[in-house]
Protein backbone atom coordinates (compact mmCIF):
# COMPACT_ATOMS: atom_id res chain seq x y z
CA MET A 1 25.13 -14.04 -41.25
CA LYS A 2 24.79 -10.29 -40.89
CA LYS A 3 21.12 -10.47 -41.86
CA LEU A 4 20.50 -13.13 -39.22
CA LEU A 5 22.16 -11.04 -36.52
CA VAL A 6 20.23 -7.91 -37.51
CA SER A 7 16.97 -9.90 -37.57
CA LEU A 8 17.62 -11.29 -34.09
CA MET A 9 18.38 -7.81 -32.74
CA VAL A 10 15.17 -6.40 -34.22
CA LEU A 11 13.14 -9.27 -32.77
CA SER A 12 14.79 -8.83 -29.39
CA ILE A 13 13.96 -5.12 -29.31
CA GLY A 14 10.39 -5.85 -30.44
CA PHE A 15 9.84 -8.41 -27.66
CA SER A 16 11.32 -6.05 -25.10
CA ALA A 17 9.05 -3.19 -26.17
CA SER A 18 5.91 -5.34 -26.14
CA ALA A 19 6.77 -6.74 -22.69
CA GLN A 20 7.04 -3.19 -21.31
CA THR A 21 3.60 -2.21 -22.57
CA ALA A 22 2.05 -5.30 -20.98
CA VAL A 23 3.21 -4.34 -17.46
CA LYS A 24 0.21 -3.98 -15.15
CA LYS A 25 0.06 -1.05 -12.78
CA ALA A 26 -1.70 -1.04 -9.42
CA GLU A 27 -3.31 2.31 -10.23
CA ASN A 28 -5.26 0.61 -13.04
CA ILE A 29 -6.91 -1.97 -10.80
CA ILE A 30 -7.24 -0.44 -7.32
CA LYS A 31 -8.34 3.01 -6.18
CA PHE A 32 -7.79 4.06 -2.56
CA LYS A 33 -9.88 6.94 -1.19
CA GLU A 34 -6.67 8.15 0.46
CA ILE A 35 -3.10 6.89 0.53
CA LYS A 36 -1.93 8.91 3.56
CA HIS A 37 -3.46 9.29 7.01
CA ASN A 38 -2.25 11.54 9.81
CA PHE A 39 -3.44 10.50 13.27
CA GLY A 40 -2.36 13.85 14.70
CA LYS A 41 -1.32 13.82 18.36
CA ILE A 42 -2.02 10.49 20.08
CA LYS A 43 -1.48 9.22 23.60
CA GLN A 44 1.47 6.91 24.25
CA GLY A 45 0.43 3.32 24.89
CA VAL A 46 -3.02 3.73 23.34
CA PRO A 47 -3.11 1.89 19.99
CA VAL A 48 -4.91 3.52 17.05
CA THR A 49 -6.29 2.16 13.78
CA HIS A 50 -7.33 3.58 10.45
CA ASP A 51 -9.29 1.98 7.60
CA PHE A 52 -7.91 2.66 4.13
CA MET A 53 -10.98 2.21 1.92
CA PHE A 54 -10.45 1.06 -1.66
CA ALA A 55 -12.36 -0.09 -4.74
CA ASN A 56 -11.59 -2.63 -7.43
CA ILE A 57 -11.55 -0.55 -10.61
CA GLY A 58 -10.13 -3.35 -12.77
CA ASN A 59 -11.93 -5.89 -14.93
CA GLU A 60 -11.03 -8.96 -12.86
CA PRO A 61 -11.35 -9.95 -9.21
CA LEU A 62 -8.74 -8.12 -7.11
CA ILE A 63 -6.59 -10.18 -4.76
CA VAL A 64 -4.51 -8.57 -2.03
CA GLU A 65 -1.74 -11.12 -1.51
CA THR A 66 -0.04 -9.45 1.46
CA ALA A 67 0.33 -6.21 3.33
CA SER A 68 3.47 -5.55 5.36
CA ALA A 69 4.71 -2.56 7.32
CA SER A 70 8.03 -0.79 7.54
CA CYS A 71 8.29 -1.76 11.23
CA GLY A 72 6.74 -4.06 13.81
CA CYS A 73 4.83 -1.21 15.46
CA THR A 74 2.40 -1.14 12.54
CA THR A 75 0.07 -4.06 11.82
CA PRO A 76 -1.95 -4.13 8.61
CA THR A 77 -4.89 -6.46 8.05
CA TRP A 78 -6.40 -6.97 4.61
CA PRO A 79 -9.26 -8.86 2.96
CA GLN A 80 -8.49 -12.53 2.47
CA GLN A 81 -11.07 -13.11 -0.29
CA PRO A 82 -11.07 -11.64 -3.82
CA ILE A 83 -12.80 -8.29 -4.25
CA MET A 84 -15.04 -8.37 -7.29
CA LYS A 85 -15.05 -5.73 -10.02
CA GLY A 86 -16.67 -2.50 -8.83
CA LYS A 87 -16.79 -3.59 -5.17
CA GLU A 88 -15.18 -1.86 -2.19
CA ASP A 89 -13.30 -3.14 0.84
CA LYS A 90 -10.74 -1.89 3.36
CA LEU A 91 -7.23 -2.40 4.60
CA LYS A 92 -6.89 -1.69 8.33
CA ALA A 93 -3.66 -0.15 9.63
CA GLY A 94 -2.97 -0.47 13.35
CA PHE A 95 -0.25 1.46 15.18
CA ASN A 96 0.80 0.57 18.75
CA ALA A 97 1.95 4.08 19.85
CA ALA A 98 4.57 2.59 22.18
CA ALA A 99 7.37 5.13 21.73
CA PRO A 100 6.95 8.91 22.10
CA GLY A 101 7.82 11.18 19.20
CA PRO A 102 6.77 11.85 15.62
CA PHE A 103 6.34 8.88 13.29
CA GLU A 104 5.77 8.07 9.64
CA LYS A 105 5.28 4.45 8.63
CA THR A 106 4.77 2.81 5.26
CA ILE A 107 2.48 -0.11 4.47
CA PHE A 108 3.40 -2.12 1.39
CA VAL A 109 0.37 -3.70 -0.32
CA LYS A 110 1.15 -6.57 -2.71
CA LEU A 111 -1.55 -7.20 -5.32
CA LYS A 112 -1.74 -10.39 -7.36
CA GLY A 113 -0.33 -9.86 -10.84
CA ILE A 114 1.42 -6.58 -9.96
CA ASP A 115 5.17 -6.57 -9.38
CA ALA A 116 5.64 -3.33 -7.43
CA PRO A 117 3.83 -2.98 -4.10
CA TYR A 118 1.35 -0.16 -3.59
CA GLU A 119 2.39 2.15 -0.73
CA LEU A 120 0.19 3.63 1.98
CA LYS A 121 1.46 5.95 4.73
CA ILE A 122 0.44 6.70 8.30
CA SER A 123 1.92 9.47 10.43
CA GLY A 124 1.40 11.42 13.59
CA GLU A 125 3.00 12.23 16.92
CA VAL A 126 2.94 10.07 20.05
CA LEU A 127 2.84 12.11 23.26
CA SER A 128 3.51 10.95 26.80
CA ALA A 129 0.37 10.65 28.95
CA ALA A 130 1.26 13.90 30.78
CA ASP A 131 1.85 15.86 27.56
CA PHE A 132 -1.30 14.43 25.99
CA ASP A 133 -3.39 15.43 29.02
CA LYS A 134 -2.04 19.01 28.76
CA ILE A 135 -3.33 19.47 25.20
CA LYS A 136 -6.70 17.86 25.93
CA LYS A 137 -7.57 20.30 28.74
């Protein structure tokens, strides 16, 4: 009975170790040119966008399942079709600039076959129209 228990424990540890080595990482299949973008000082009420360019560096077609933001003021759009090996595409991040003040927002990119989302960041400072006009003169 002891031998059976020891054998089961060894097998359990072996399966656990092999499962951990098989975990896919986003960094092995997608390469963004940048993962952070600072808009700098922007005018309140004037939406801004930024394209996060990326390449499929994996061996299979890359599928972006979803992209979601940390708040409703940020709207990501992503390619709906698979990106073939070696090809490039973009994820567009829009920010509505409705409220004045500094901001930092996160965009969570879910890739097919990868458990943890890839994170992109946008930041900047929204200025009132009057304050924005002062720095632009």
